[in-house]
């Protein structure tokens, strides 16, 4: 991987130096300028029902029944600055609260900020290709499923919600397009540690191919990534995702599915106590998360009222072995999850949204012998979400 790193950076640098047009001539009409932006969303929520086992990793998984609060779930301060026609920069500070320990807090437990994006883009460094360096959005979902879903204020998309892929990373990327930006690709070579500082020698490569059809009403994306987590034993994490979306007036729909393989991720114990004689063995086992998501948004009153609905199915391990005595190594879920959210979006101003919504996650045990709350239980939340941007 180290050899690949040096080769990738060297070839990329060489390509930049070999660009025919080095922007020697300056556009006398251009004036450097910047733009400030802000995004905020939050809710008033009430927990109608709580899973007895506190399963899942979503924002309301460990919240007790009848709990209520006013919550700020995201605040972004951004500034984009155009240095020249060829170079632009992006800078975003973020406060986020996804529930539990995921909130951005300082040492005293008060809301704080972290660096979400800080990057520079060199436009058309070679034909129809930009190069971006720094903290930036990954190609996993930000420009595809999340953009078309359009309701990040309601819930993260499938891969983001279940921590299959991160929204941002620090690295170097190529973004290219063909045929008047109807088809394109993204390649990101980064730390693989999202917003956190790099803590190991491994790097993550991710990329996608995308296309827009029928006058850009249909978007198709194929995404994949590969990340080495450790050498002994060799732990590799690889992901493959397909997204298909359709946007028009008054209907938007989308379907997304992924599968991931985490090699040697857990330890499986297949021993059995049979008259004090142990049979079977202890060995490593791969974990294979799998998920599907479908959503629809319908415009009831133009520019004023929408109705939205979404359903997700998530299996933390499609490779689950019921005969195993135990699993060890990190948190391991033995339950499938069904997620559902629906609501209304009232837009009193084009950048202001007030959204009453109903949020549900059901947990289904995969082991045949489960009973009671272990076999099935649920989290149910009623919310009113407020979102605005400038």
Foldseek 3Di string as FASTA:
>chain_A
DVVVVVVVVVVVVVLLVPAPCPPPDADPPDDKDKDKKKKWKWWWKAWQAAQPVLDDDFACSPPHHGDIDTDTAKMKIKMKIDPGPFKIWIWIKMFGHRHDPPGCADPVRHTDIATQWTWMWGPCSDPQKIKIAFKDFDPPPPVHPCVLLVPVSVDDDDCPRRVVAEGIFGFMKMWGADDVRQKTKIKTKGLRPRRDDRDDDKIKIKMKIWGADDVRQKIKIWIKMKIFDDVVPTWIKIKIKIKIWGDDPFKIKIKMKMKMKTFQQKKFALWDQDVNDTDDGIDGGIFMKIKMKMKMKGDPDPLFKIKIKMKMKIDRGPPDDLSTPDIDHPDDDQWIKIWMKIWMWGPPDNFKTKIWMKIKMKIAGPHPPDDDSNRIDMIIMTIIMIIGMD
